[in-house]
Amino acid sequence: MEEPIKENVLITISRQMGSGGAYLGRRVANRLGFRYVDRDILKEATQYLGESEENITFREERVSGFLENLLKGFIYGSPETAYVPPSIRPVYDIDLYNAEARIIAGIADRDNAVIVGRAGFHVLEGRRGLASVFLHAPEDFRLRRVTEGYHMSIPEDAAALIRQSDVQRRRFIKTVAGVEWTDARCYHLSINTGAAGLAAAEDMILQLAEKVRNSMDG
């Protein structure tokens, strides 16, 4: 007799650059004893695709114009849906997204996890143990964190980096999930980390995770 598949608690964190996504993800994972998943998804994807990490890092959470057109016919479908490649190899972005989606789904089958970015909320949509979170913050809060975190001496450069990240992530989520990245209705919890503070945001995520865990036990 086969054992039933374990249902894990899965926290996905979508975030604006500088809003504290990686910091809070690690904090929450440590406190819960969950697996923390971020750049290791990329590393595993590079092995799967036979590419170096340096060659495809810049493609994460981005889409090219060609990929956007290619996906228009099925952006609302599940990423677990079988993908049949065309006879001509498509732009590499779609291979990376599909690889990372499969990796995320595999992690979700095995472990309780905190997963940062990479459309995790969409990849795992419909799972009973999912707690999806979106983090955002005012520009001055984000600018300060990015300037310090990336050791940038010119605020204008940090501001440009933030704006570029916002454009790329918004386009990526719109293309693969068919929704607006910043729409709070796409998530179970949306937090302004600049207003709430990182400590309070951490507690709110933990409370949501506990609620999801209790609902699964009931």
N, C-alpha and C. Protein backbone atom coordinates (compact mmCIF):
# COMPACT_ATOMS: atom_id res chain seq x y z
N MET A 1 0.85 -1.20 0.00
CA MET A 1 0.00 0.00 0.00
C MET A 1 0.88 1.24 0.00
N GLU A 2 0.63 2.16 -0.91
CA GLU A 2 1.44 3.35 -1.01
C GLU A 2 1.13 4.32 0.14
N GLU A 3 2.20 4.96 0.64
CA GLU A 3 2.01 5.96 1.68
C GLU A 3 1.44 7.23 1.06
N PRO A 4 0.53 7.91 1.80
CA PRO A 4 -0.02 9.17 1.26
C PRO A 4 1.07 10.22 1.14
N ILE A 5 0.94 11.08 0.15
CA ILE A 5 1.91 12.14 -0.05
C ILE A 5 1.81 13.15 1.10
N LYS A 6 2.94 13.46 1.69
CA LYS A 6 2.96 14.43 2.78
C LYS A 6 2.61 15.81 2.26
N GLU A 7 1.76 16.50 2.99
CA GLU A 7 1.41 17.88 2.64
C GLU A 7 2.25 18.82 3.49
N ASN A 8 3.04 19.63 2.84
CA ASN A 8 3.96 20.53 3.54
C ASN A 8 3.41 21.95 3.60
N VAL A 9 3.91 22.70 4.59
CA VAL A 9 3.60 24.12 4.68
C VAL A 9 4.60 24.86 3.80
N LEU A 10 4.10 25.70 2.91
CA LEU A 10 4.94 26.36 1.92
C LEU A 10 4.67 27.86 1.96
N ILE A 11 5.69 28.62 2.30
CA ILE A 11 5.57 30.07 2.34
C ILE A 11 6.29 30.64 1.14
N THR A 12 5.56 31.31 0.26
CA THR A 12 6.20 31.98 -0.87
C THR A 12 6.26 33.48 -0.59
N ILE A 13 7.39 34.07 -0.89
CA ILE A 13 7.58 35.50 -0.67
C ILE A 13 7.87 36.18 -2.00
N SER A 14 6.91 36.97 -2.45
CA SER A 14 7.12 37.85 -3.59
C SER A 14 7.47 39.21 -3.02
N ARG A 15 8.36 39.95 -3.69
CA ARG A 15 8.87 41.15 -3.03
C ARG A 15 9.35 42.19 -4.01
N GLN A 16 9.19 43.44 -3.63
CA GLN A 16 9.87 44.52 -4.32
C GLN A 16 11.32 44.55 -3.85
N MET A 17 12.23 44.88 -4.75
CA MET A 17 13.63 44.99 -4.35
C MET A 17 13.76 46.00 -3.22
N GLY A 18 14.47 45.60 -2.17
CA GLY A 18 14.71 46.48 -1.04
C GLY A 18 13.65 46.44 0.04
N SER A 19 12.64 45.59 -0.13
CA SER A 19 11.56 45.51 0.87
C SER A 19 11.84 44.50 1.97
N GLY A 20 12.94 43.76 1.85
CA GLY A 20 13.33 42.83 2.92
C GLY A 20 12.97 41.38 2.67
N GLY A 21 12.75 41.00 1.42
CA GLY A 21 12.32 39.64 1.12
C GLY A 21 13.29 38.56 1.55
N ALA A 22 14.55 38.68 1.16
CA ALA A 22 15.54 37.67 1.51
C ALA A 22 15.78 37.65 3.01
N TYR A 23 15.89 38.83 3.61
CA TYR A 23 16.12 38.92 5.06
C TYR A 23 14.99 38.24 5.83
N LEU A 24 13.76 38.58 5.51
CA LEU A 24 12.62 38.00 6.21
C LEU A 24 12.46 36.52 5.90
N GLY A 25 12.74 36.15 4.66
CA GLY A 25 12.65 34.73 4.30
C GLY A 25 13.57 33.88 5.15
N ARG A 26 14.81 34.31 5.31
CA ARG A 26 15.76 33.56 6.14
C ARG A 26 15.33 33.54 7.59
N ARG A 27 14.88 34.66 8.10
CA ARG A 27 14.45 34.75 9.50
C ARG A 27 13.28 33.80 9.77
N VAL A 28 12.29 33.84 8.90
CA VAL A 28 11.11 32.99 9.08
C VAL A 28 11.48 31.51 8.96
N ALA A 29 12.30 31.17 7.97
CA ALA A 29 12.71 29.78 7.80
C ALA A 29 13.48 29.28 9.02
N ASN A 30 14.36 30.10 9.56
CA ASN A 30 15.13 29.69 10.74
C ASN A 30 14.23 29.47 11.94
N ARG A 31 13.27 30.36 12.14
CA ARG A 31 12.40 30.25 13.30
C ARG A 31 11.46 29.05 13.20
N LEU A 32 11.06 28.70 11.99
CA LEU A 32 10.15 27.57 11.80
C LEU A 32 10.88 26.25 11.61
N GLY A 33 12.18 26.31 11.34
CA GLY A 33 12.90 25.09 11.02
C GLY A 33 12.60 24.59 9.62
N PHE A 34 12.22 25.52 8.73
CA PHE A 34 11.89 25.17 7.34
C PHE A 34 13.12 25.31 6.46
N ARG A 35 13.07 24.71 5.31
CA ARG A 35 14.10 24.90 4.30
C ARG A 35 13.95 26.29 3.69
N TYR A 36 15.05 27.01 3.55
CA TYR A 36 15.04 28.32 2.90
C TYR A 36 15.50 28.13 1.46
N VAL A 37 14.70 28.63 0.53
CA VAL A 37 14.96 28.40 -0.89
C VAL A 37 15.02 29.73 -1.62
N ASP A 38 16.17 30.01 -2.23
CA ASP A 38 16.32 31.24 -3.00
C ASP A 38 17.24 30.94 -4.18
N ARG A 39 18.49 31.31 -4.08
CA ARG A 39 19.40 31.14 -5.22
C ARG A 39 19.76 29.68 -5.49
N ASP A 40 19.50 28.79 -4.54
CA ASP A 40 19.77 27.38 -4.81
C ASP A 40 18.86 26.84 -5.90
N ILE A 41 17.69 27.49 -6.11
CA ILE A 41 16.84 27.10 -7.24
C ILE A 41 17.57 27.36 -8.55
N LEU A 42 18.20 28.52 -8.65
CA LEU A 42 18.95 28.87 -9.85
C LEU A 42 20.09 27.89 -10.07
N LYS A 43 20.82 27.57 -9.00
CA LYS A 43 21.95 26.64 -9.13
C LYS A 43 21.50 25.28 -9.64
N GLU A 44 20.37 24.80 -9.10
CA GLU A 44 19.86 23.50 -9.55
C GLU A 44 19.38 23.58 -10.99
N ALA A 45 18.78 24.71 -11.36
CA ALA A 45 18.30 24.88 -12.73
C ALA A 45 19.45 24.89 -13.72
N THR A 46 20.57 25.52 -13.35
CA THR A 46 21.71 25.56 -14.26
C THR A 46 22.25 24.15 -14.51
N GLN A 47 22.24 23.31 -13.48
CA GLN A 47 22.68 21.93 -13.66
C GLN A 47 21.74 21.18 -14.58
N TYR A 48 20.44 21.41 -14.37
CA TYR A 48 19.43 20.74 -15.19
C TYR A 48 19.55 21.15 -16.66
N LEU A 49 19.85 22.43 -16.88
CA LEU A 49 19.90 22.96 -18.24
C LEU A 49 21.28 22.86 -18.86
N GLY A 50 22.28 22.47 -18.06
CA GLY A 50 23.64 22.35 -18.58
C GLY A 50 24.27 23.67 -18.92
N GLU A 51 23.95 24.71 -18.13
CA GLU A 51 24.50 26.04 -18.36
C GLU A 51 25.21 26.52 -17.10
N SER A 52 26.06 27.51 -17.25
CA SER A 52 26.72 28.09 -16.10
C SER A 52 25.79 29.11 -15.44
N GLU A 53 25.94 29.26 -14.14
CA GLU A 53 25.12 30.22 -13.40
C GLU A 53 25.32 31.63 -13.92
N GLU A 54 26.55 31.96 -14.29
CA GLU A 54 26.85 33.31 -14.77
C GLU A 54 26.08 33.63 -16.06
N ASN A 55 25.88 32.61 -16.89
CA ASN A 55 25.24 32.83 -18.19
C ASN A 55 23.75 33.10 -18.10
N ILE A 56 23.10 32.62 -17.02
CA ILE A 56 21.64 32.76 -16.98
C ILE A 56 21.11 33.53 -15.77
N THR A 57 21.98 33.98 -14.88
CA THR A 57 21.51 34.74 -13.72
C THR A 57 20.68 35.94 -14.14
N PHE A 58 21.12 36.65 -15.17
CA PHE A 58 20.43 37.87 -15.59
C PHE A 58 19.06 37.59 -16.18
N ARG A 59 18.74 36.33 -16.49
CA ARG A 59 17.45 36.01 -17.08
C ARG A 59 16.38 35.70 -16.03
N GLU A 60 16.77 35.54 -14.78
CA GLU A 60 15.80 35.20 -13.75
C GLU A 60 14.78 36.32 -13.56
N GLU A 61 13.50 35.91 -13.41
CA GLU A 61 12.39 36.83 -13.17
C GLU A 61 12.33 37.94 -14.21
N ARG A 62 12.70 37.58 -15.46
CA ARG A 62 12.62 38.49 -16.58
C ARG A 62 12.04 37.74 -17.77
N VAL A 63 11.49 38.46 -18.70
CA VAL A 63 11.04 37.83 -19.94
C VAL A 63 11.43 38.70 -21.12
N SER A 64 11.79 38.07 -22.21
CA SER A 64 12.09 38.81 -23.43
C SER A 64 10.79 39.07 -24.17
N GLY A 65 10.82 39.97 -25.14
CA GLY A 65 9.64 40.25 -25.93
C GLY A 65 9.16 39.02 -26.68
N PHE A 66 10.09 38.22 -27.19
CA PHE A 66 9.71 37.03 -27.93
C PHE A 66 9.03 36.02 -27.02
N LEU A 67 9.56 35.85 -25.81
CA LEU A 67 8.95 34.91 -24.87
C LEU A 67 7.55 35.38 -24.50
N GLU A 68 7.38 36.67 -24.32
CA GLU A 68 6.07 37.21 -23.96
C GLU A 68 5.04 36.83 -25.01
N ASN A 69 5.39 36.97 -26.27
CA ASN A 69 4.48 36.59 -27.35
C ASN A 69 4.25 35.08 -27.38
N LEU A 70 5.30 34.33 -27.14
CA LEU A 70 5.21 32.88 -27.18
C LEU A 70 4.27 32.34 -26.11
N LEU A 71 4.25 33.00 -24.95
CA LEU A 71 3.45 32.52 -23.84
C LEU A 71 2.00 33.02 -23.85
N LYS A 72 1.65 33.91 -24.74
CA LYS A 72 0.32 34.52 -24.70
C LYS A 72 -0.79 33.46 -24.76
N GLY A 73 -0.53 32.37 -25.47
CA GLY A 73 -1.57 31.37 -25.62
C GLY A 73 -1.82 30.53 -24.39
N PHE A 74 -0.88 30.53 -23.42
CA PHE A 74 -1.09 29.66 -22.27
C PHE A 74 -0.59 30.25 -20.96
N ILE A 75 -0.58 31.55 -20.80
CA ILE A 75 -0.08 32.15 -19.56
C ILE A 75 -0.97 31.86 -18.38
N TYR A 76 -2.23 31.51 -18.61
CA TYR A 76 -3.12 31.26 -17.49
C TYR A 76 -3.11 29.79 -17.07
N GLY A 77 -2.35 28.97 -17.76
CA GLY A 77 -2.29 27.57 -17.41
C GLY A 77 -1.33 27.31 -16.27
N SER A 78 -1.43 26.11 -15.70
CA SER A 78 -0.53 25.73 -14.61
C SER A 78 0.85 25.48 -15.15
N PRO A 79 1.91 25.87 -14.41
CA PRO A 79 3.28 25.59 -14.87
C PRO A 79 3.59 24.10 -14.87
N GLU A 80 2.70 23.28 -14.24
CA GLU A 80 2.93 21.85 -14.24
C GLU A 80 2.42 21.21 -15.53
N THR A 81 1.69 21.99 -16.33
CA THR A 81 1.20 21.49 -17.61
C THR A 81 2.38 21.14 -18.50
N ALA A 82 2.27 20.01 -19.18
CA ALA A 82 3.37 19.56 -20.03
C ALA A 82 3.67 20.60 -21.10
N TYR A 83 4.93 20.87 -21.29
CA TYR A 83 5.36 21.85 -22.30
C TYR A 83 6.00 21.11 -23.46
N VAL A 84 5.47 21.32 -24.65
CA VAL A 84 6.01 20.71 -25.86
C VAL A 84 6.74 21.79 -26.62
N PRO A 85 8.07 21.73 -26.70
CA PRO A 85 8.83 22.79 -27.36
C PRO A 85 8.60 22.77 -28.86
N PRO A 86 8.66 23.94 -29.49
CA PRO A 86 8.54 23.99 -30.94
C PRO A 86 9.80 23.44 -31.59
N SER A 87 9.75 23.29 -32.92
CA SER A 87 10.89 22.70 -33.62
C SER A 87 12.11 23.60 -33.53
N ILE A 88 11.90 24.92 -33.45
CA ILE A 88 13.01 25.85 -33.28
C ILE A 88 13.14 26.18 -31.80
N ARG A 89 14.33 26.07 -31.26
CA ARG A 89 14.53 26.31 -29.83
C ARG A 89 14.08 27.73 -29.46
N PRO A 90 13.19 27.86 -28.45
CA PRO A 90 12.69 29.18 -28.07
C PRO A 90 13.73 29.97 -27.30
N VAL A 91 13.40 31.22 -27.05
CA VAL A 91 14.27 32.04 -26.23
C VAL A 91 14.48 31.35 -24.89
N TYR A 92 15.65 31.46 -24.35
CA TYR A 92 16.08 30.66 -23.21
C TYR A 92 15.27 30.93 -21.94
N ASP A 93 14.64 32.08 -21.85
CA ASP A 93 13.88 32.42 -20.65
C ASP A 93 12.84 31.36 -20.30
N ILE A 94 12.16 30.81 -21.29
CA ILE A 94 11.09 29.85 -21.02
C ILE A 94 11.65 28.55 -20.47
N ASP A 95 12.82 28.15 -20.94
CA ASP A 95 13.46 26.95 -20.40
C ASP A 95 13.81 27.14 -18.94
N LEU A 96 14.33 28.31 -18.62
CA LEU A 96 14.70 28.60 -17.23
C LEU A 96 13.47 28.62 -16.34
N TYR A 97 12.41 29.29 -16.78
CA TYR A 97 11.19 29.35 -15.96
C TYR A 97 10.62 27.95 -15.73
N ASN A 98 10.51 27.15 -16.79
CA ASN A 98 9.97 25.80 -16.65
C ASN A 98 10.83 24.94 -15.74
N ALA A 99 12.14 25.07 -15.86
CA ALA A 99 13.05 24.30 -15.01
C ALA A 99 12.87 24.70 -13.55
N GLU A 100 12.81 26.00 -13.28
CA GLU A 100 12.67 26.46 -11.90
C GLU A 100 11.30 26.09 -11.33
N ALA A 101 10.26 26.11 -12.16
CA ALA A 101 8.93 25.71 -11.70
C ALA A 101 8.92 24.24 -11.29
N ARG A 102 9.57 23.39 -12.07
CA ARG A 102 9.63 21.96 -11.71
C ARG A 102 10.42 21.76 -10.43
N ILE A 103 11.50 22.51 -10.27
CA ILE A 103 12.32 22.40 -9.06
C ILE A 103 11.53 22.84 -7.84
N ILE A 104 10.81 23.96 -7.95
CA ILE A 104 10.00 24.45 -6.84
C ILE A 104 8.93 23.43 -6.46
N ALA A 105 8.26 22.85 -7.45
CA ALA A 105 7.23 21.85 -7.18
C ALA A 105 7.84 20.63 -6.48
N GLY A 106 9.04 20.23 -6.90
CA GLY A 106 9.70 19.10 -6.26
C GLY A 106 10.06 19.38 -4.81
N ILE A 107 10.55 20.58 -4.55
CA ILE A 107 10.88 20.97 -3.17
C ILE A 107 9.62 20.95 -2.32
N ALA A 108 8.52 21.47 -2.87
CA ALA A 108 7.25 21.51 -2.14
C ALA A 108 6.75 20.12 -1.79
N ASP A 109 7.03 19.14 -2.65
CA ASP A 109 6.62 17.76 -2.36
C ASP A 109 7.42 17.15 -1.22
N ARG A 110 8.66 17.63 -1.02
CA ARG A 110 9.56 17.00 -0.05
C ARG A 110 9.64 17.71 1.29
N ASP A 111 9.57 19.05 1.29
CA ASP A 111 9.92 19.79 2.49
C ASP A 111 8.94 20.91 2.81
N ASN A 112 8.85 21.24 4.10
CA ASN A 112 8.30 22.53 4.49
C ASN A 112 9.33 23.57 4.05
N ALA A 113 8.89 24.64 3.42
CA ALA A 113 9.88 25.54 2.84
C ALA A 113 9.38 26.98 2.78
N VAL A 114 10.36 27.89 2.79
CA VAL A 114 10.14 29.31 2.50
C VAL A 114 10.83 29.57 1.16
N ILE A 115 10.05 29.97 0.17
CA ILE A 115 10.54 30.13 -1.19
C ILE A 115 10.44 31.59 -1.60
N VAL A 116 11.56 32.18 -1.97
CA VAL A 116 11.60 33.60 -2.31
C VAL A 116 11.59 33.78 -3.83
N GLY A 117 10.62 34.57 -4.31
CA GLY A 117 10.58 34.96 -5.72
C GLY A 117 10.24 33.84 -6.68
N ARG A 118 10.58 34.07 -7.96
CA ARG A 118 10.45 33.10 -9.03
C ARG A 118 9.01 32.62 -9.25
N ALA A 119 8.05 33.52 -9.01
CA ALA A 119 6.62 33.23 -9.21
C ALA A 119 6.16 32.03 -8.40
N GLY A 120 6.77 31.83 -7.24
CA GLY A 120 6.41 30.69 -6.41
C GLY A 120 4.94 30.64 -6.06
N PHE A 121 4.33 31.80 -5.82
CA PHE A 121 2.91 31.83 -5.48
C PHE A 121 2.05 31.26 -6.60
N HIS A 122 2.49 31.43 -7.84
CA HIS A 122 1.76 30.91 -9.00
C HIS A 122 2.09 29.44 -9.24
N VAL A 123 3.35 29.09 -9.13
CA VAL A 123 3.77 27.71 -9.34
C VAL A 123 3.05 26.77 -8.36
N LEU A 124 2.86 27.21 -7.12
CA LEU A 124 2.27 26.36 -6.08
C LEU A 124 0.80 26.65 -5.83
N GLU A 125 0.20 27.45 -6.68
CA GLU A 125 -1.20 27.81 -6.50
C GLU A 125 -2.09 26.57 -6.40
N GLY A 126 -3.00 26.57 -5.42
CA GLY A 126 -3.92 25.45 -5.24
C GLY A 126 -3.47 24.45 -4.20
N ARG A 127 -2.23 24.52 -3.75
CA ARG A 127 -1.76 23.61 -2.70
C ARG A 127 -2.35 24.02 -1.36
N ARG A 128 -2.78 23.05 -0.59
CA ARG A 128 -3.48 23.33 0.67
C ARG A 128 -2.57 24.01 1.68
N GLY A 129 -1.28 23.72 1.65
CA GLY A 129 -0.36 24.26 2.63
C GLY A 129 0.27 25.58 2.24
N LEU A 130 -0.22 26.23 1.19
CA LEU A 130 0.42 27.44 0.69
C LEU A 130 0.03 28.67 1.51
N ALA A 131 1.06 29.48 1.84
CA ALA A 131 0.87 30.80 2.43
C ALA A 131 1.67 31.77 1.59
N SER A 132 1.01 32.54 0.75
CA SER A 132 1.71 33.43 -0.17
C SER A 132 1.74 34.85 0.39
N VAL A 133 2.92 35.47 0.31
CA VAL A 133 3.14 36.78 0.92
C VAL A 133 3.73 37.72 -0.13
N PHE A 134 3.28 38.97 -0.11
CA PHE A 134 3.88 40.00 -0.96
C PHE A 134 4.41 41.12 -0.06
N LEU A 135 5.67 41.49 -0.26
CA LEU A 135 6.30 42.54 0.51
C LEU A 135 6.56 43.76 -0.37
N HIS A 136 6.15 44.92 0.13
CA HIS A 136 6.41 46.17 -0.59
C HIS A 136 6.77 47.23 0.43
N ALA A 137 7.28 48.34 -0.06
CA ALA A 137 7.72 49.41 0.85
C ALA A 137 7.86 50.70 0.08
N PRO A 138 7.83 51.85 0.79
CA PRO A 138 8.05 53.14 0.13
C PRO A 138 9.45 53.21 -0.48
N GLU A 139 9.59 54.09 -1.46
CA GLU A 139 10.85 54.18 -2.18
C GLU A 139 12.03 54.54 -1.29
N ASP A 140 11.84 55.45 -0.31
CA ASP A 140 12.96 55.85 0.52
C ASP A 140 13.46 54.70 1.38
N PHE A 141 12.55 53.86 1.85
CA PHE A 141 12.92 52.67 2.64
C PHE A 141 13.72 51.70 1.77
N ARG A 142 13.22 51.46 0.58
CA ARG A 142 13.88 50.54 -0.33
C ARG A 142 15.23 51.07 -0.77
N LEU A 143 15.28 52.36 -1.06
CA LEU A 143 16.52 52.98 -1.50
C LEU A 143 17.61 52.85 -0.44
N ARG A 144 17.24 53.05 0.80
CA ARG A 144 18.22 52.94 1.88
C ARG A 144 18.75 51.52 2.00
N ARG A 145 17.86 50.54 1.92
CA ARG A 145 18.29 49.14 2.06
C ARG A 145 19.14 48.69 0.87
N VAL A 146 18.77 49.10 -0.33
CA VAL A 146 19.53 48.71 -1.52
C VAL A 146 20.90 49.38 -1.52
N THR A 147 20.95 50.66 -1.15
CA THR A 147 22.22 51.38 -1.10
C THR A 147 23.18 50.72 -0.12
N GLU A 148 22.66 50.34 1.05
CA GLU A 148 23.50 49.69 2.06
C GLU A 148 23.83 48.25 1.67
N GLY A 149 22.83 47.52 1.21
CA GLY A 149 23.02 46.11 0.90
C GLY A 149 23.95 45.86 -0.27
N TYR A 150 23.91 46.74 -1.26
CA TYR A 150 24.76 46.58 -2.44
C TYR A 150 26.00 47.48 -2.39
N HIS A 151 26.18 48.15 -1.26
CA HIS A 151 27.33 49.05 -1.07
C HIS A 151 27.45 50.05 -2.22
N MET A 152 26.33 50.69 -2.53
CA MET A 152 26.29 51.66 -3.62
C MET A 152 26.46 53.06 -3.05
N SER A 153 27.39 53.79 -3.59
CA SER A 153 27.68 55.13 -3.08
C SER A 153 26.87 56.23 -3.74
N ILE A 154 26.23 55.90 -4.88
CA ILE A 154 25.47 56.90 -5.63
C ILE A 154 23.98 56.55 -5.54
N PRO A 155 23.19 57.32 -4.80
CA PRO A 155 21.76 57.02 -4.63
C PRO A 155 21.01 56.93 -5.95
N GLU A 156 21.41 57.73 -6.93
CA GLU A 156 20.72 57.70 -8.22
C GLU A 156 20.86 56.34 -8.89
N ASP A 157 22.03 55.72 -8.72
CA ASP A 157 22.24 54.39 -9.30
C ASP A 157 21.35 53.35 -8.61
N ALA A 158 21.21 53.47 -7.30
CA ALA A 158 20.35 52.55 -6.55
C ALA A 158 18.90 52.72 -6.97
N ALA A 159 18.47 53.98 -7.15
CA ALA A 159 17.10 54.25 -7.57
C ALA A 159 16.83 53.67 -8.96
N ALA A 160 17.79 53.77 -9.85
CA ALA A 160 17.64 53.22 -11.20
C ALA A 160 17.54 51.70 -11.15
N LEU A 161 18.32 51.08 -10.27
CA LEU A 161 18.30 49.63 -10.11
C LEU A 161 16.94 49.16 -9.61
N ILE A 162 16.38 49.90 -8.66
CA ILE A 162 15.07 49.57 -8.11
C ILE A 162 13.99 49.67 -9.19
N ARG A 163 14.03 50.75 -9.96
CA ARG A 163 13.02 50.94 -11.01
C ARG A 163 13.12 49.84 -12.06
N GLN A 164 14.36 49.49 -12.43
CA GLN A 164 14.55 48.43 -13.42
C GLN A 164 14.02 47.09 -12.89
N SER A 165 14.29 46.80 -11.64
CA SER A 165 13.81 45.56 -11.04
C SER A 165 12.29 45.51 -11.03
N ASP A 166 11.65 46.62 -10.69
CA ASP A 166 10.19 46.66 -10.65
C ASP A 166 9.60 46.37 -12.02
N VAL A 167 10.16 46.99 -13.05
CA VAL A 167 9.66 46.78 -14.42
C VAL A 167 9.81 45.32 -14.82
N GLN A 168 10.98 44.74 -14.55
CA GLN A 168 11.25 43.37 -14.97
C GLN A 168 10.37 42.37 -14.23
N ARG A 169 10.22 42.55 -12.93
CA ARG A 169 9.42 41.60 -12.16
C ARG A 169 7.94 41.72 -12.51
N ARG A 170 7.46 42.94 -12.72
CA ARG A 170 6.06 43.13 -13.10
C ARG A 170 5.77 42.44 -14.43
N ARG A 171 6.67 42.61 -15.37
CA ARG A 171 6.47 42.01 -16.69
C ARG A 171 6.56 40.48 -16.62
N PHE A 172 7.48 39.99 -15.82
CA PHE A 172 7.65 38.55 -15.66
C PHE A 172 6.37 37.91 -15.09
N ILE A 173 5.84 38.47 -14.01
CA ILE A 173 4.65 37.91 -13.38
C ILE A 173 3.43 38.03 -14.30
N LYS A 174 3.31 39.15 -14.99
CA LYS A 174 2.20 39.32 -15.92
C LYS A 174 2.25 38.27 -17.02
N THR A 175 3.45 37.95 -17.47
CA THR A 175 3.60 37.00 -18.56
C THR A 175 3.34 35.57 -18.12
N VAL A 176 3.94 35.15 -17.01
CA VAL A 176 3.82 33.74 -16.62
C VAL A 176 2.57 33.43 -15.82
N ALA A 177 2.02 34.43 -15.11
CA ALA A 177 0.87 34.18 -14.25
C ALA A 177 -0.40 34.89 -14.72
N GLY A 178 -0.26 35.89 -15.58
CA GLY A 178 -1.42 36.59 -16.09
C GLY A 178 -2.06 37.53 -15.10
N VAL A 179 -1.31 37.96 -14.08
CA VAL A 179 -1.85 38.87 -13.05
C VAL A 179 -0.88 40.02 -12.83
N GLU A 180 -1.39 41.06 -12.16
CA GLU A 180 -0.53 42.17 -11.80
C GLU A 180 0.28 41.79 -10.57
N TRP A 181 1.57 41.92 -10.68
CA TRP A 181 2.52 41.53 -9.62
C TRP A 181 2.20 42.18 -8.28
N THR A 182 1.79 43.44 -8.27
CA THR A 182 1.56 44.18 -7.02
C THR A 182 0.12 44.11 -6.53
N ASP A 183 -0.73 43.32 -7.17
CA ASP A 183 -2.14 43.22 -6.76
C ASP A 183 -2.23 42.36 -5.50
N ALA A 184 -2.65 42.97 -4.40
CA ALA A 184 -2.71 42.26 -3.11
C ALA A 184 -3.66 41.07 -3.16
N ARG A 185 -4.61 41.08 -4.07
CA ARG A 185 -5.57 39.97 -4.16
C ARG A 185 -4.93 38.66 -4.62
N CYS A 186 -3.72 38.74 -5.14
CA CYS A 186 -3.01 37.54 -5.60
C CYS A 186 -2.33 36.79 -4.45
N TYR A 187 -2.34 37.37 -3.27
CA TYR A 187 -1.58 36.81 -2.14
C TYR A 187 -2.47 36.67 -0.91
N HIS A 188 -2.06 35.82 0.00
CA HIS A 188 -2.78 35.67 1.26
C HIS A 188 -2.48 36.83 2.21
N LEU A 189 -1.30 37.41 2.07
CA LEU A 189 -0.89 38.48 2.97
C LEU A 189 0.00 39.46 2.21
N SER A 190 -0.31 40.76 2.33
CA SER A 190 0.51 41.81 1.72
C SER A 190 0.95 42.75 2.83
N ILE A 191 2.25 43.03 2.90
CA ILE A 191 2.80 43.82 4.00
C ILE A 191 3.64 44.97 3.47
N ASN A 192 3.37 46.16 3.97
CA ASN A 192 4.23 47.31 3.74
C ASN A 192 5.31 47.27 4.82
N THR A 193 6.48 46.77 4.47
CA THR A 193 7.52 46.59 5.48
C THR A 193 8.09 47.91 5.98
N GLY A 194 7.97 48.96 5.17
CA GLY A 194 8.42 50.27 5.61
C GLY A 194 7.54 50.80 6.72
N ALA A 195 6.23 50.58 6.61
CA ALA A 195 5.28 51.05 7.61
C ALA A 195 5.23 50.12 8.82
N ALA A 196 5.20 48.83 8.59
CA ALA A 196 5.06 47.87 9.69
C ALA A 196 6.37 47.63 10.43
N GLY A 197 7.48 47.71 9.70
CA GLY A 197 8.77 47.35 10.28
C GLY A 197 9.05 45.88 10.04
N LEU A 198 10.32 45.53 9.94
CA LEU A 198 10.69 44.16 9.61
C LEU A 198 10.33 43.17 10.71
N ALA A 199 10.45 43.58 11.96
CA ALA A 199 10.14 42.67 13.07
C ALA A 199 8.65 42.32 13.07
N ALA A 200 7.79 43.33 12.88
CA ALA A 200 6.36 43.08 12.85
C ALA A 200 5.97 42.25 11.63
N ALA A 201 6.62 42.53 10.49
CA ALA A 201 6.36 41.75 9.28
C ALA A 201 6.71 40.28 9.49
N GLU A 202 7.82 40.04 10.15
CA GLU A 202 8.23 38.67 10.45
C GLU A 202 7.17 37.96 11.28
N ASP A 203 6.66 38.63 12.29
CA ASP A 203 5.64 38.03 13.16
C ASP A 203 4.35 37.76 12.38
N MET A 204 3.98 38.65 11.48
CA MET A 204 2.77 38.45 10.69
C MET A 204 2.89 37.23 9.79
N ILE A 205 4.06 37.04 9.18
CA ILE A 205 4.27 35.87 8.32
C ILE A 205 4.22 34.59 9.15
N LEU A 206 4.81 34.62 10.33
CA LEU A 206 4.79 33.46 11.21
C LEU A 206 3.36 33.12 11.64
N GLN A 207 2.57 34.13 11.92
CA GLN A 207 1.18 33.91 12.30
C GLN A 207 0.39 33.28 11.16
N LEU A 208 0.64 33.75 9.94
CA LEU A 208 -0.03 33.16 8.78
C LEU A 208 0.38 31.70 8.61
N ALA A 209 1.66 31.42 8.75
CA ALA A 209 2.15 30.04 8.61
C ALA A 209 1.51 29.13 9.65
N GLU A 210 1.38 29.64 10.88
CA GLU A 210 0.76 28.84 11.94
C GLU A 210 -0.71 28.57 11.64
N LYS A 211 -1.38 29.57 11.10
CA LYS A 211 -2.79 29.40 10.75
C LYS A 211 -2.94 28.34 9.66
N VAL A 212 -2.07 28.38 8.66
CA VAL A 212 -2.12 27.39 7.59
C VAL A 212 -1.83 26.00 8.13
N ARG A 213 -0.84 25.89 9.00
CA ARG A 213 -0.50 24.59 9.57
C ARG A 213 -1.67 24.03 10.39
N ASN A 214 -2.31 24.88 11.18
CA ASN A 214 -3.44 24.43 11.98
C ASN A 214 -4.61 23.98 11.12
N SER A 215 -4.82 24.67 10.00
CA SER A 215 -5.92 24.29 9.10
C SER A 215 -5.68 22.93 8.47
N MET A 216 -4.40 22.59 8.28
CA MET A 216 -4.07 21.29 7.69
C MET A 216 -4.22 20.17 8.70
N ASP A 217 -4.02 20.48 9.98
CA ASP A 217 -4.14 19.48 11.02
C ASP A 217 -5.59 19.21 11.40
N GLY A 218 -6.45 20.20 11.07
CA GLY A 218 -7.85 20.08 11.47
C GLY A 218 -8.65 19.12 10.60
